[in-house]
Amino acid sequence: MATGHTDPQRRDRILAAALDLVAEEGVSGVSHRKIAARAGVPLGSMTYHFNGMDEVLREAFRLFSDHVVAVFDTHLAPATDADRAREAVADLVHALSDGSRRDLVLAQELYTLAARQPAYRDLTQQWMARSRLHLEKHFDPDTARQLDALIEGLTLHRALSTHPHDRALTLDAVTRVTTPSGHVG
């Protein structure tokens, strides 16, 4: 394995290892030593690349939020009208809830950090704002905000349910939130 400045992926491996460990053991189970071992780097690399565990976690969760925003973009970008956008949102909820358990756990770990430590609220606020930008390409800002919360809730409910609701219920909920009052069939 390359060392020092000849190993340009070292920082990225550290962040990926941090996310893997958080997903497996929770934030409380993560340490410099465990991350370095998982990343296959010397322990000193941790302090060379980061100013403490807080910076490692913030950067790792920033990387994770980039991933989730990219998933939003993948689903919503092709939509050409409101009906297709509603379908895309329903597909997004099901992709998120049926997808990686790792992503679900990481999201909840980040939310817990943000609830306990105000510094992480900036990260969650940035993440929500970026997600809403994708929704605002199809819906007004207030609707996008409501829809963003609905996506989070429906995703969590489906992922944790022993009998997850079907796509028809998801699409009905999305339609109710995104259709002006009095226009839902």
N, C-alpha and C. Protein backbone atom coordinates (compact mmCIF):
# COMPACT_ATOMS: atom_id res chain seq x y z
N MET A 1 0.85 -1.18 0.00
CA MET A 1 0.00 0.00 0.00
C MET A 1 0.89 1.24 0.00
N ALA A 2 0.51 2.24 -0.78
CA ALA A 2 1.29 3.47 -0.87
C ALA A 2 1.20 4.25 0.43
N THR A 3 2.19 5.09 0.67
CA THR A 3 2.19 5.86 1.90
C THR A 3 2.34 7.34 1.59
N GLY A 4 2.06 8.16 2.61
CA GLY A 4 2.30 9.61 2.53
C GLY A 4 1.58 10.26 1.37
N HIS A 5 2.31 11.13 0.69
CA HIS A 5 1.71 11.92 -0.39
C HIS A 5 1.48 11.11 -1.64
N THR A 6 2.02 9.87 -1.72
CA THR A 6 1.80 9.04 -2.89
C THR A 6 0.50 8.24 -2.79
N ASP A 7 -0.29 8.48 -1.78
CA ASP A 7 -1.55 7.77 -1.56
C ASP A 7 -2.70 8.78 -1.53
N PRO A 8 -3.09 9.28 -2.72
CA PRO A 8 -4.11 10.35 -2.75
C PRO A 8 -5.50 9.90 -2.31
N GLN A 9 -5.78 8.61 -2.27
CA GLN A 9 -7.11 8.13 -1.86
C GLN A 9 -7.20 7.87 -0.36
N ARG A 10 -6.15 8.12 0.37
CA ARG A 10 -6.14 7.80 1.79
C ARG A 10 -7.27 8.52 2.54
N ARG A 11 -7.42 9.80 2.31
CA ARG A 11 -8.46 10.57 3.00
C ARG A 11 -9.86 10.00 2.69
N ASP A 12 -10.08 9.68 1.42
CA ASP A 12 -11.37 9.11 1.03
C ASP A 12 -11.61 7.75 1.67
N ARG A 13 -10.56 6.93 1.78
CA ARG A 13 -10.70 5.63 2.43
C ARG A 13 -11.03 5.79 3.91
N ILE A 14 -10.45 6.80 4.53
CA ILE A 14 -10.75 7.06 5.94
C ILE A 14 -12.22 7.43 6.11
N LEU A 15 -12.73 8.29 5.24
CA LEU A 15 -14.14 8.69 5.33
C LEU A 15 -15.07 7.51 5.06
N ALA A 16 -14.74 6.70 4.06
CA ALA A 16 -15.57 5.52 3.77
C ALA A 16 -15.55 4.55 4.95
N ALA A 17 -14.38 4.36 5.54
CA ALA A 17 -14.27 3.47 6.70
C ALA A 17 -15.08 4.01 7.88
N ALA A 18 -15.05 5.32 8.07
CA ALA A 18 -15.83 5.92 9.16
C ALA A 18 -17.32 5.66 8.95
N LEU A 19 -17.81 5.84 7.73
CA LEU A 19 -19.23 5.58 7.46
C LEU A 19 -19.57 4.10 7.67
N ASP A 20 -18.70 3.22 7.21
CA ASP A 20 -18.95 1.79 7.41
C ASP A 20 -19.05 1.46 8.90
N LEU A 21 -18.14 2.00 9.68
CA LEU A 21 -18.16 1.72 11.12
C LEU A 21 -19.37 2.33 11.81
N VAL A 22 -19.74 3.54 11.42
CA VAL A 22 -20.94 4.15 12.01
C VAL A 22 -22.15 3.30 11.68
N ALA A 23 -22.23 2.80 10.46
CA ALA A 23 -23.37 1.96 10.07
C ALA A 23 -23.40 0.66 10.85
N GLU A 24 -22.24 0.12 11.19
CA GLU A 24 -22.17 -1.16 11.89
C GLU A 24 -22.28 -1.02 13.41
N GLU A 25 -21.65 0.04 13.96
CA GLU A 25 -21.52 0.13 15.41
C GLU A 25 -22.13 1.38 16.02
N GLY A 26 -22.60 2.29 15.20
CA GLY A 26 -23.11 3.56 15.70
C GLY A 26 -21.97 4.53 15.95
N VAL A 27 -22.31 5.79 16.06
CA VAL A 27 -21.30 6.82 16.27
C VAL A 27 -20.49 6.53 17.54
N SER A 28 -21.15 6.05 18.57
CA SER A 28 -20.46 5.81 19.84
C SER A 28 -19.42 4.70 19.75
N GLY A 29 -19.52 3.83 18.75
CA GLY A 29 -18.57 2.74 18.61
C GLY A 29 -17.38 3.04 17.72
N VAL A 30 -17.31 4.27 17.23
CA VAL A 30 -16.25 4.65 16.29
C VAL A 30 -15.07 5.25 17.05
N SER A 31 -13.86 4.89 16.61
CA SER A 31 -12.66 5.48 17.19
C SER A 31 -11.63 5.69 16.09
N HIS A 32 -10.64 6.52 16.38
CA HIS A 32 -9.55 6.74 15.42
C HIS A 32 -8.90 5.41 15.06
N ARG A 33 -8.63 4.61 16.06
CA ARG A 33 -7.95 3.33 15.85
C ARG A 33 -8.77 2.41 14.95
N LYS A 34 -10.08 2.29 15.21
CA LYS A 34 -10.93 1.43 14.40
C LYS A 34 -11.02 1.92 12.95
N ILE A 35 -11.15 3.24 12.79
CA ILE A 35 -11.24 3.78 11.44
C ILE A 35 -9.94 3.53 10.67
N ALA A 36 -8.81 3.81 11.31
CA ALA A 36 -7.52 3.60 10.64
C ALA A 36 -7.35 2.14 10.24
N ALA A 37 -7.70 1.23 11.13
CA ALA A 37 -7.58 -0.20 10.83
C ALA A 37 -8.48 -0.58 9.65
N ARG A 38 -9.73 -0.11 9.68
CA ARG A 38 -10.68 -0.43 8.60
C ARG A 38 -10.20 0.16 7.27
N ALA A 39 -9.64 1.36 7.31
CA ALA A 39 -9.18 2.02 6.08
C ALA A 39 -7.84 1.48 5.61
N GLY A 40 -7.15 0.72 6.46
CA GLY A 40 -5.84 0.20 6.09
C GLY A 40 -4.77 1.28 6.03
N VAL A 41 -4.86 2.23 6.96
CA VAL A 41 -3.89 3.33 7.00
C VAL A 41 -3.25 3.39 8.38
N PRO A 42 -2.07 3.99 8.47
CA PRO A 42 -1.46 4.17 9.80
C PRO A 42 -2.34 5.08 10.66
N LEU A 43 -2.32 4.83 11.96
CA LEU A 43 -3.12 5.63 12.89
C LEU A 43 -2.80 7.12 12.76
N GLY A 44 -1.54 7.46 12.51
CA GLY A 44 -1.14 8.86 12.37
C GLY A 44 -1.83 9.57 11.22
N SER A 45 -2.33 8.81 10.24
CA SER A 45 -3.05 9.43 9.12
C SER A 45 -4.32 10.14 9.57
N MET A 46 -4.88 9.66 10.66
CA MET A 46 -6.11 10.27 11.15
C MET A 46 -5.85 11.73 11.52
N THR A 47 -4.79 11.99 12.27
CA THR A 47 -4.52 13.37 12.68
C THR A 47 -3.83 14.17 11.58
N TYR A 48 -3.24 13.49 10.62
CA TYR A 48 -2.64 14.20 9.48
C TYR A 48 -3.75 14.80 8.61
N HIS A 49 -4.81 14.05 8.39
CA HIS A 49 -5.89 14.47 7.48
C HIS A 49 -7.05 15.19 8.17
N PHE A 50 -7.20 14.99 9.48
CA PHE A 50 -8.36 15.54 10.18
C PHE A 50 -7.96 16.10 11.53
N ASN A 51 -8.67 17.13 11.96
CA ASN A 51 -8.44 17.75 13.28
C ASN A 51 -9.38 17.15 14.31
N GLY A 52 -9.39 15.85 14.44
CA GLY A 52 -10.20 15.21 15.46
C GLY A 52 -11.38 14.44 14.88
N MET A 53 -12.00 13.66 15.75
CA MET A 53 -13.11 12.80 15.35
C MET A 53 -14.31 13.59 14.84
N ASP A 54 -14.55 14.75 15.42
CA ASP A 54 -15.68 15.56 14.98
C ASP A 54 -15.55 15.92 13.50
N GLU A 55 -14.36 16.29 13.07
CA GLU A 55 -14.16 16.62 11.66
C GLU A 55 -14.32 15.38 10.78
N VAL A 56 -13.82 14.23 11.24
CA VAL A 56 -13.99 12.99 10.48
C VAL A 56 -15.48 12.73 10.28
N LEU A 57 -16.25 12.80 11.35
CA LEU A 57 -17.68 12.52 11.26
C LEU A 57 -18.42 13.53 10.39
N ARG A 58 -18.10 14.81 10.55
CA ARG A 58 -18.77 15.83 9.72
C ARG A 58 -18.48 15.59 8.24
N GLU A 59 -17.22 15.34 7.92
CA GLU A 59 -16.86 15.11 6.51
C GLU A 59 -17.47 13.82 5.98
N ALA A 60 -17.48 12.78 6.79
CA ALA A 60 -18.08 11.52 6.37
C ALA A 60 -19.58 11.69 6.14
N PHE A 61 -20.25 12.36 7.04
CA PHE A 61 -21.69 12.57 6.85
C PHE A 61 -21.98 13.53 5.70
N ARG A 62 -21.08 14.45 5.43
CA ARG A 62 -21.25 15.32 4.25
C ARG A 62 -21.18 14.46 2.98
N LEU A 63 -20.25 13.52 2.95
CA LEU A 63 -20.13 12.59 1.83
C LEU A 63 -21.40 11.75 1.70
N PHE A 64 -21.92 11.28 2.82
CA PHE A 64 -23.16 10.50 2.81
C PHE A 64 -24.33 11.35 2.29
N SER A 65 -24.43 12.58 2.73
CA SER A 65 -25.55 13.43 2.27
C SER A 65 -25.43 13.69 0.77
N ASP A 66 -24.20 13.83 0.26
CA ASP A 66 -24.00 13.97 -1.19
C ASP A 66 -24.58 12.77 -1.92
N HIS A 67 -24.36 11.58 -1.37
CA HIS A 67 -24.88 10.35 -1.97
C HIS A 67 -26.41 10.37 -2.01
N VAL A 68 -27.05 10.74 -0.91
CA VAL A 68 -28.52 10.73 -0.87
C VAL A 68 -29.09 11.79 -1.82
N VAL A 69 -28.47 12.95 -1.88
CA VAL A 69 -28.93 13.99 -2.80
C VAL A 69 -28.80 13.51 -4.25
N ALA A 70 -27.75 12.76 -4.54
CA ALA A 70 -27.58 12.20 -5.89
C ALA A 70 -28.70 11.21 -6.21
N VAL A 71 -29.16 10.46 -5.20
CA VAL A 71 -30.28 9.54 -5.40
C VAL A 71 -31.55 10.35 -5.72
N PHE A 72 -31.75 11.45 -5.00
CA PHE A 72 -32.89 12.33 -5.32
C PHE A 72 -32.80 12.77 -6.77
N ASP A 73 -31.64 13.24 -7.19
CA ASP A 73 -31.46 13.74 -8.55
C ASP A 73 -31.72 12.64 -9.57
N THR A 74 -31.23 11.45 -9.33
CA THR A 74 -31.42 10.33 -10.26
C THR A 74 -32.90 10.07 -10.48
N HIS A 75 -33.69 10.14 -9.43
CA HIS A 75 -35.12 9.85 -9.57
C HIS A 75 -35.91 11.03 -10.12
N LEU A 76 -35.57 12.24 -9.69
CA LEU A 76 -36.40 13.39 -10.04
C LEU A 76 -36.01 14.08 -11.34
N ALA A 77 -34.77 14.03 -11.73
CA ALA A 77 -34.31 14.77 -12.92
C ALA A 77 -35.07 14.41 -14.20
N PRO A 78 -35.38 13.14 -14.44
CA PRO A 78 -36.07 12.83 -15.71
C PRO A 78 -37.53 13.28 -15.78
N ALA A 79 -38.14 13.62 -14.65
CA ALA A 79 -39.55 14.00 -14.65
C ALA A 79 -39.76 15.29 -15.45
N THR A 80 -40.76 15.26 -16.34
CA THR A 80 -41.01 16.40 -17.23
C THR A 80 -42.27 17.18 -16.88
N ASP A 81 -43.09 16.65 -15.98
CA ASP A 81 -44.29 17.37 -15.56
C ASP A 81 -44.65 16.92 -14.14
N ALA A 82 -45.68 17.53 -13.57
CA ALA A 82 -46.03 17.26 -12.18
C ALA A 82 -46.43 15.80 -11.96
N ASP A 83 -47.18 15.22 -12.89
CA ASP A 83 -47.58 13.82 -12.72
C ASP A 83 -46.38 12.89 -12.71
N ARG A 84 -45.46 13.13 -13.63
CA ARG A 84 -44.24 12.29 -13.66
C ARG A 84 -43.38 12.55 -12.41
N ALA A 85 -43.40 13.77 -11.93
CA ALA A 85 -42.64 14.08 -10.70
C ALA A 85 -43.25 13.34 -9.52
N ARG A 86 -44.58 13.26 -9.45
CA ARG A 86 -45.23 12.51 -8.37
C ARG A 86 -44.83 11.04 -8.43
N GLU A 87 -44.85 10.48 -9.63
CA GLU A 87 -44.43 9.09 -9.83
C GLU A 87 -42.97 8.91 -9.39
N ALA A 88 -42.13 9.87 -9.75
CA ALA A 88 -40.71 9.80 -9.40
C ALA A 88 -40.51 9.85 -7.89
N VAL A 89 -41.30 10.67 -7.21
CA VAL A 89 -41.20 10.75 -5.75
C VAL A 89 -41.63 9.42 -5.13
N ALA A 90 -42.71 8.84 -5.63
CA ALA A 90 -43.14 7.52 -5.11
C ALA A 90 -42.04 6.49 -5.34
N ASP A 91 -41.44 6.51 -6.52
CA ASP A 91 -40.34 5.58 -6.80
C ASP A 91 -39.17 5.83 -5.86
N LEU A 92 -38.89 7.09 -5.57
CA LEU A 92 -37.80 7.45 -4.67
C LEU A 92 -38.03 6.90 -3.27
N VAL A 93 -39.24 7.06 -2.75
CA VAL A 93 -39.57 6.54 -1.42
C VAL A 93 -39.31 5.04 -1.37
N HIS A 94 -39.73 4.34 -2.41
CA HIS A 94 -39.58 2.89 -2.41
C HIS A 94 -38.13 2.48 -2.63
N ALA A 95 -37.40 3.22 -3.42
CA ALA A 95 -35.97 2.93 -3.60
C ALA A 95 -35.22 3.14 -2.29
N LEU A 96 -35.53 4.21 -1.58
CA LEU A 96 -34.86 4.48 -0.30
C LEU A 96 -35.23 3.46 0.76
N SER A 97 -36.51 3.11 0.84
CA SER A 97 -36.95 2.21 1.90
C SER A 97 -36.62 0.75 1.61
N ASP A 98 -36.55 0.38 0.34
CA ASP A 98 -36.22 -1.00 -0.02
C ASP A 98 -34.72 -1.17 -0.23
N GLY A 99 -34.00 -0.08 -0.23
CA GLY A 99 -32.58 -0.11 -0.55
C GLY A 99 -31.70 -0.45 0.63
N SER A 100 -30.58 0.19 0.66
CA SER A 100 -29.52 -0.09 1.61
C SER A 100 -29.93 0.16 3.05
N ARG A 101 -29.85 -0.87 3.89
CA ARG A 101 -30.07 -0.69 5.33
C ARG A 101 -28.98 0.21 5.88
N ARG A 102 -27.81 0.14 5.27
CA ARG A 102 -26.68 0.98 5.68
C ARG A 102 -27.07 2.45 5.58
N ASP A 103 -27.69 2.84 4.46
CA ASP A 103 -28.10 4.23 4.28
C ASP A 103 -29.14 4.64 5.31
N LEU A 104 -30.08 3.75 5.59
CA LEU A 104 -31.11 4.05 6.58
C LEU A 104 -30.48 4.29 7.95
N VAL A 105 -29.56 3.43 8.34
CA VAL A 105 -28.89 3.57 9.63
C VAL A 105 -28.06 4.85 9.67
N LEU A 106 -27.33 5.12 8.60
CA LEU A 106 -26.50 6.34 8.57
C LEU A 106 -27.37 7.59 8.70
N ALA A 107 -28.50 7.62 8.02
CA ALA A 107 -29.39 8.78 8.12
C ALA A 107 -29.85 8.97 9.57
N GLN A 108 -30.23 7.88 10.22
CA GLN A 108 -30.71 7.99 11.60
C GLN A 108 -29.59 8.39 12.55
N GLU A 109 -28.38 7.91 12.31
CA GLU A 109 -27.24 8.31 13.13
C GLU A 109 -26.96 9.81 12.97
N LEU A 110 -27.05 10.30 11.74
CA LEU A 110 -26.84 11.73 11.52
C LEU A 110 -27.93 12.54 12.19
N TYR A 111 -29.18 12.11 12.08
CA TYR A 111 -30.27 12.83 12.73
C TYR A 111 -30.08 12.86 14.24
N THR A 112 -29.62 11.77 14.80
CA THR A 112 -29.38 11.72 16.25
C THR A 112 -28.27 12.69 16.65
N LEU A 113 -27.19 12.71 15.88
CA LEU A 113 -26.13 13.68 16.15
C LEU A 113 -26.66 15.10 16.07
N ALA A 114 -27.45 15.38 15.06
CA ALA A 114 -27.99 16.73 14.87
C ALA A 114 -28.92 17.11 16.02
N ALA A 115 -29.66 16.14 16.53
CA ALA A 115 -30.56 16.42 17.66
C ALA A 115 -29.77 16.72 18.93
N ARG A 116 -28.61 16.12 19.06
CA ARG A 116 -27.81 16.30 20.27
C ARG A 116 -26.79 17.42 20.16
N GLN A 117 -26.27 17.66 18.96
CA GLN A 117 -25.18 18.61 18.79
C GLN A 117 -25.53 19.62 17.70
N PRO A 118 -25.74 20.87 18.05
CA PRO A 118 -26.15 21.88 17.08
C PRO A 118 -25.23 22.00 15.86
N ALA A 119 -23.95 21.71 16.00
CA ALA A 119 -23.03 21.82 14.86
C ALA A 119 -23.46 20.92 13.70
N TYR A 120 -24.09 19.80 14.02
CA TYR A 120 -24.52 18.88 12.96
C TYR A 120 -25.84 19.31 12.33
N ARG A 121 -26.54 20.23 12.97
CA ARG A 121 -27.79 20.74 12.37
C ARG A 121 -27.51 21.49 11.09
N ASP A 122 -26.37 22.17 11.03
CA ASP A 122 -26.01 22.85 9.78
C ASP A 122 -25.90 21.85 8.65
N LEU A 123 -25.32 20.71 8.93
CA LEU A 123 -25.17 19.68 7.91
C LEU A 123 -26.53 19.13 7.48
N THR A 124 -27.41 18.86 8.43
CA THR A 124 -28.73 18.35 8.06
C THR A 124 -29.55 19.43 7.35
N GLN A 125 -29.39 20.69 7.74
CA GLN A 125 -30.09 21.78 7.06
C GLN A 125 -29.63 21.90 5.61
N GLN A 126 -28.32 21.79 5.39
CA GLN A 126 -27.79 21.84 4.03
C GLN A 126 -28.32 20.67 3.20
N TRP A 127 -28.36 19.50 3.81
CA TRP A 127 -28.86 18.32 3.12
C TRP A 127 -30.32 18.51 2.73
N MET A 128 -31.15 18.96 3.67
CA MET A 128 -32.57 19.18 3.38
C MET A 128 -32.75 20.24 2.30
N ALA A 129 -31.98 21.30 2.37
CA ALA A 129 -32.08 22.37 1.37
C ALA A 129 -31.74 21.84 -0.02
N ARG A 130 -30.71 21.04 -0.10
CA ARG A 130 -30.31 20.48 -1.40
C ARG A 130 -31.36 19.52 -1.93
N SER A 131 -31.95 18.71 -1.06
CA SER A 131 -33.02 17.80 -1.48
C SER A 131 -34.23 18.58 -1.98
N ARG A 132 -34.56 19.64 -1.24
CA ARG A 132 -35.72 20.45 -1.63
C ARG A 132 -35.50 21.16 -2.97
N LEU A 133 -34.25 21.51 -3.28
CA LEU A 133 -33.98 22.12 -4.59
C LEU A 133 -34.41 21.20 -5.73
N HIS A 134 -34.18 19.90 -5.57
CA HIS A 134 -34.62 18.95 -6.59
C HIS A 134 -36.14 18.90 -6.66
N LEU A 135 -36.79 18.96 -5.52
CA LEU A 135 -38.25 18.95 -5.50
C LEU A 135 -38.83 20.24 -6.04
N GLU A 136 -38.15 21.36 -5.80
CA GLU A 136 -38.64 22.67 -6.26
C GLU A 136 -38.56 22.83 -7.78
N LYS A 137 -37.90 21.93 -8.45
CA LYS A 137 -37.91 21.95 -9.92
C LYS A 137 -39.28 21.54 -10.44
N HIS A 138 -40.08 20.92 -9.55
CA HIS A 138 -41.39 20.40 -9.96
C HIS A 138 -42.55 20.95 -9.13
N PHE A 139 -42.25 21.46 -7.93
CA PHE A 139 -43.30 21.92 -7.03
C PHE A 139 -42.88 23.23 -6.38
N ASP A 140 -43.85 24.01 -5.90
CA ASP A 140 -43.53 25.28 -5.24
C ASP A 140 -42.77 25.00 -3.94
N PRO A 141 -42.05 26.01 -3.41
CA PRO A 141 -41.20 25.78 -2.23
C PRO A 141 -41.93 25.23 -1.00
N ASP A 142 -43.12 25.70 -0.71
CA ASP A 142 -43.85 25.18 0.46
C ASP A 142 -44.22 23.71 0.26
N THR A 143 -44.67 23.38 -0.93
CA THR A 143 -45.01 21.99 -1.24
C THR A 143 -43.75 21.12 -1.18
N ALA A 144 -42.65 21.63 -1.70
CA ALA A 144 -41.38 20.89 -1.67
C ALA A 144 -40.97 20.59 -0.24
N ARG A 145 -41.14 21.55 0.65
CA ARG A 145 -40.80 21.34 2.07
C ARG A 145 -41.68 20.25 2.68
N GLN A 146 -42.97 20.31 2.41
CA GLN A 146 -43.88 19.30 2.93
C GLN A 146 -43.56 17.92 2.33
N LEU A 147 -43.28 17.91 1.07
CA LEU A 147 -42.97 16.66 0.38
C LEU A 147 -41.67 16.04 0.89
N ASP A 148 -40.69 16.88 1.18
CA ASP A 148 -39.42 16.39 1.71
C ASP A 148 -39.65 15.67 3.05
N ALA A 149 -40.47 16.25 3.89
CA ALA A 149 -40.80 15.62 5.18
C ALA A 149 -41.60 14.33 4.96
N LEU A 150 -42.51 14.35 4.01
CA LEU A 150 -43.29 13.15 3.69
C LEU A 150 -42.38 12.02 3.21
N ILE A 151 -41.43 12.34 2.37
CA ILE A 151 -40.48 11.34 1.86
C ILE A 151 -39.74 10.69 3.02
N GLU A 152 -39.25 11.52 3.94
CA GLU A 152 -38.53 10.99 5.10
C GLU A 152 -39.42 10.06 5.91
N GLY A 153 -40.62 10.51 6.20
CA GLY A 153 -41.53 9.72 7.02
C GLY A 153 -41.97 8.43 6.36
N LEU A 154 -42.38 8.51 5.09
CA LEU A 154 -42.81 7.31 4.39
C LEU A 154 -41.66 6.31 4.24
N THR A 155 -40.48 6.83 3.96
CA THR A 155 -39.31 5.95 3.83
C THR A 155 -39.04 5.21 5.12
N LEU A 156 -39.04 5.94 6.21
CA LEU A 156 -38.78 5.32 7.51
C LEU A 156 -39.86 4.32 7.88
N HIS A 157 -41.11 4.68 7.68
CA HIS A 157 -42.22 3.77 8.01
C HIS A 157 -42.15 2.50 7.17
N ARG A 158 -41.88 2.64 5.87
CA ARG A 158 -41.79 1.44 5.02
C ARG A 158 -40.60 0.58 5.43
N ALA A 159 -39.46 1.22 5.69
CA ALA A 159 -38.24 0.47 5.98
C ALA A 159 -38.34 -0.30 7.30
N LEU A 160 -39.05 0.24 8.26
CA LEU A 160 -39.12 -0.38 9.58
C LEU A 160 -40.36 -1.24 9.82
N SER A 161 -41.29 -1.19 8.90
CA SER A 161 -42.54 -1.94 9.08
C SER A 161 -42.35 -3.42 8.77
N THR A 162 -43.04 -4.25 9.52
CA THR A 162 -43.06 -5.68 9.20
C THR A 162 -44.01 -5.95 8.03
N HIS A 163 -44.89 -4.98 7.74
CA HIS A 163 -45.80 -5.06 6.60
C HIS A 163 -45.83 -3.71 5.90
N PRO A 164 -44.79 -3.40 5.12
CA PRO A 164 -44.70 -2.07 4.49
C PRO A 164 -45.87 -1.80 3.55
N HIS A 165 -46.28 -0.55 3.52
CA HIS A 165 -47.37 -0.17 2.63
C HIS A 165 -46.90 -0.26 1.17
N ASP A 166 -47.88 -0.32 0.27
CA ASP A 166 -47.54 -0.49 -1.15
C ASP A 166 -47.35 0.85 -1.85
N ARG A 167 -46.95 0.77 -3.11
CA ARG A 167 -46.65 1.97 -3.89
C ARG A 167 -47.90 2.81 -4.11
N ALA A 168 -49.06 2.18 -4.22
CA ALA A 168 -50.30 2.92 -4.43
C ALA A 168 -50.56 3.88 -3.27
N LEU A 169 -50.33 3.44 -2.04
CA LEU A 169 -50.51 4.31 -0.88
C LEU A 169 -49.49 5.45 -0.91
N THR A 170 -48.26 5.12 -1.28
CA THR A 170 -47.23 6.17 -1.37
C THR A 170 -47.63 7.22 -2.40
N LEU A 171 -48.03 6.77 -3.58
CA LEU A 171 -48.42 7.71 -4.63
C LEU A 171 -49.64 8.53 -4.21
N ASP A 172 -50.59 7.92 -3.51
CA ASP A 172 -51.75 8.65 -3.02
C ASP A 172 -51.32 9.76 -2.05
N ALA A 173 -50.42 9.45 -1.13
CA ALA A 173 -49.93 10.45 -0.17
C ALA A 173 -49.20 11.58 -0.89
N VAL A 174 -48.34 11.24 -1.84
CA VAL A 174 -47.61 12.25 -2.61
C VAL A 174 -48.59 13.13 -3.38
N THR A 175 -49.59 12.52 -3.97
CA THR A 175 -50.60 13.26 -4.74
C THR A 175 -51.38 14.21 -3.84
N ARG A 176 -51.74 13.77 -2.66
CA ARG A 176 -52.49 14.62 -1.72
C ARG A 176 -51.67 15.85 -1.31
N VAL A 177 -50.36 15.66 -1.09
CA VAL A 177 -49.52 16.77 -0.67
C VAL A 177 -49.25 17.72 -1.83
N THR A 178 -49.20 17.21 -3.05
CA THR A 178 -48.77 18.05 -4.18
C THR A 178 -49.90 18.57 -5.04
N THR A 179 -51.13 18.23 -4.71
CA THR A 179 -52.27 18.70 -5.48
C THR A 179 -52.99 19.80 -4.70
N PRO A 180 -53.30 20.90 -5.36
CA PRO A 180 -54.03 21.97 -4.66
C PRO A 180 -55.33 21.45 -4.04
N SER A 181 -55.70 22.01 -2.92
CA SER A 181 -56.90 21.57 -2.19
C SER A 181 -58.11 21.55 -3.12
N GLY A 182 -58.88 20.50 -2.95
CA GLY A 182 -60.11 20.37 -3.72
C GLY A 182 -59.92 19.74 -5.08
N HIS A 183 -58.67 19.40 -5.46
CA HIS A 183 -58.43 18.84 -6.79
C HIS A 183 -58.03 17.37 -6.76
N VAL A 184 -58.01 16.75 -5.60
CA VAL A 184 -57.64 15.34 -5.51
C VAL A 184 -58.89 14.51 -5.80
N GLY A 185 -58.74 13.48 -6.67
CA GLY A 185 -59.88 12.63 -7.05
C GLY A 185 -60.24 11.77 -5.98
